[in-house]
């Protein structure tokens, strides 16, 4: 995404305050998230196939951890 486009879109996004008690995962920068969304919309690929070079994982690890079979172990 070009800097010019980001200058127009960036201010429209809401600014979230970080949680201090239970921070969770590190947040992904808004610009990177928007690039990922635009990439999926442009190419038509599934979310799980986003390239890791863009800074996103496949998501398969988190999906398998939350299956019912995992809870029974």
C-alpha atoms as a PDB file:
ATOM      1  CA  UNK A   1       0.000   0.000   0.000  1.00  0.00           C
ATOM      2  CA  UNK A   2       1.378   3.377  -0.910  1.00  0.00           C
ATOM      3  CA  UNK A   3       2.149   5.997   1.723  1.00  0.00           C
ATOM      4  CA  UNK A   4      -0.305   8.364   0.052  1.00  0.00           C
ATOM      5  CA  UNK A   5      -3.178   5.884   0.398  1.00  0.00           C
ATOM      6  CA  UNK A   6      -2.237   5.112   4.003  1.00  0.00           C
ATOM      7  CA  UNK A   7      -2.260   8.841   4.863  1.00  0.00           C
ATOM      8  CA  UNK A   8      -5.890   8.951   3.730  1.00  0.00           C
ATOM      9  CA  UNK A   9      -7.067   5.699   5.333  1.00  0.00           C
ATOM     10  CA  UNK A  10      -5.013   5.612   8.553  1.00  0.00           C
ATOM     11  CA  UNK A  11      -6.803   8.473  10.345  1.00  0.00           C
ATOM     12  CA  UNK A  12     -10.183   6.788   9.740  1.00  0.00           C
ATOM     13  CA  UNK A  13      -9.251   3.776  11.893  1.00  0.00           C
ATOM     14  CA  UNK A  14     -10.073   3.731  15.589  1.00  0.00           C
ATOM     15  CA  UNK A  15      -7.202   3.890  18.056  1.00  0.00           C
ATOM     16  CA  UNK A  16      -7.348   1.157  20.705  1.00  0.00           C
ATOM     17  CA  UNK A  17      -5.694   1.514  24.087  1.00  0.00           C
ATOM     18  CA  UNK A  18      -3.557  -1.491  25.096  1.00  0.00           C
ATOM     19  CA  UNK A  19      -4.756  -3.664  27.959  1.00  0.00           C
ATOM     20  CA  UNK A  20      -2.307  -3.854  30.845  1.00  0.00           C
ATOM     21  CA  UNK A  21      -3.795  -6.570  33.031  1.00  0.00           C
ATOM     22  CA  UNK A  22      -4.119  -9.316  30.392  1.00  0.00           C
ATOM     23  CA  UNK A  23      -2.328  -7.988  27.319  1.00  0.00           C
ATOM     24  CA  UNK A  24      -2.625 -11.153  25.161  1.00  0.00           C
ATOM     25  CA  UNK A  25      -0.783 -11.377  21.854  1.00  0.00           C
ATOM     26  CA  UNK A  26       1.253  -8.500  20.524  1.00  0.00           C
ATOM     27  CA  UNK A  27      -0.935  -6.335  18.302  1.00  0.00           C
ATOM     28  CA  UNK A  28      -0.295  -6.289  14.577  1.00  0.00           C
ATOM     29  CA  UNK A  29       0.093  -2.778  13.136  1.00  0.00           C
ATOM     30  CA  UNK A  30      -3.076  -1.462  11.478  1.00  0.00           C
ATOM     31  CA  UNK A  31      -1.331  -0.878   8.170  1.00  0.00           C
ATOM     32  CA  UNK A  32      -0.144  -4.485   8.031  1.00  0.00           C
ATOM     33  CA  UNK A  33      -3.642  -5.773   8.865  1.00  0.00           C
ATOM     34  CA  UNK A  34      -5.197  -3.643   6.135  1.00  0.00           C
ATOM     35  CA  UNK A  35      -2.602  -4.862   3.633  1.00  0.00           C
ATOM     36  CA  UNK A  36      -3.510  -8.446   4.557  1.00  0.00           C
ATOM     37  CA  UNK A  37      -7.226  -7.773   4.117  1.00  0.00           C
ATOM     38  CA  UNK A  38      -6.670  -6.096   0.748  1.00  0.00           C
ATOM     39  CA  UNK A  39      -4.401  -8.958  -0.357  1.00  0.00           C
ATOM     40  CA  UNK A  40      -7.093 -11.539   0.455  1.00  0.00           C
ATOM     41  CA  UNK A  41      -9.770  -9.503  -1.330  1.00  0.00           C
ATOM     42  CA  UNK A  42      -7.558  -8.921  -4.376  1.00  0.00           C
ATOM     43  CA  UNK A  43      -6.263 -12.480  -4.797  1.00  0.00           C
ATOM     44  CA  UNK A  44      -9.262 -14.414  -3.493  1.00  0.00           C
ATOM     45  CA  UNK A  45      -7.114 -16.702  -1.341  1.00  0.00           C
ATOM     46  CA  UNK A  46      -8.287 -18.066   2.006  1.00  0.00           C
ATOM     47  CA  UNK A  47      -7.158 -16.373   5.223  1.00  0.00           C
ATOM     48  CA  UNK A  48      -5.119 -19.382   6.279  1.00  0.00           C
ATOM     49  CA  UNK A  49      -2.992 -19.133   3.134  1.00  0.00           C
ATOM     50  CA  UNK A  50      -1.749 -15.596   3.716  1.00  0.00           C
ATOM     51  CA  UNK A  51       2.002 -15.517   3.035  1.00  0.00           C
ATOM     52  CA  UNK A  52       4.106 -15.589   6.181  1.00  0.00           C
ATOM     53  CA  UNK A  53       6.367 -12.968   4.582  1.00  0.00           C
ATOM     54  CA  UNK A  54       3.512 -10.508   5.183  1.00  0.00           C
ATOM     55  CA  UNK A  55       3.819 -11.177   8.910  1.00  0.00           C
ATOM     56  CA  UNK A  56       0.803 -13.438   9.290  1.00  0.00           C
ATOM     57  CA  UNK A  57       0.875 -17.079  10.305  1.00  0.00           C
ATOM     58  CA  UNK A  58      -1.232 -19.776   8.754  1.00  0.00           C
ATOM     59  CA  UNK A  59      -3.583 -19.882  11.734  1.00  0.00           C
ATOM     60  CA  UNK A  60      -3.553 -23.678  11.712  1.00  0.00           C
ATOM     61  CA  UNK A  61      -1.779 -23.892  15.056  1.00  0.00           C
ATOM     62  CA  UNK A  62      -4.437 -21.914  16.876  1.00  0.00           C
ATOM     63  CA  UNK A  63      -7.251 -23.765  15.128  1.00  0.00           C
ATOM     64  CA  UNK A  64      -5.983 -27.183  16.187  1.00  0.00           C
ATOM     65  CA  UNK A  65      -5.445 -26.102  19.782  1.00  0.00           C
ATOM     66  CA  UNK A  66      -9.104 -25.261  20.245  1.00  0.00           C
ATOM     67  CA  UNK A  67     -10.572 -28.520  18.946  1.00  0.00           C
ATOM     68  CA  UNK A  68     -12.592 -30.680  21.367  1.00  0.00           C
ATOM     69  CA  UNK A  69     -10.121 -33.560  20.981  1.00  0.00           C
ATOM     70  CA  UNK A  70      -7.346 -31.384  22.370  1.00  0.00           C
ATOM     71  CA  UNK A  71      -9.365 -30.593  25.495  1.00  0.00           C
ATOM     72  CA  UNK A  72      -9.825 -34.290  26.280  1.00  0.00           C
ATOM     73  CA  UNK A  73      -6.114 -35.054  26.396  1.00  0.00           C
END
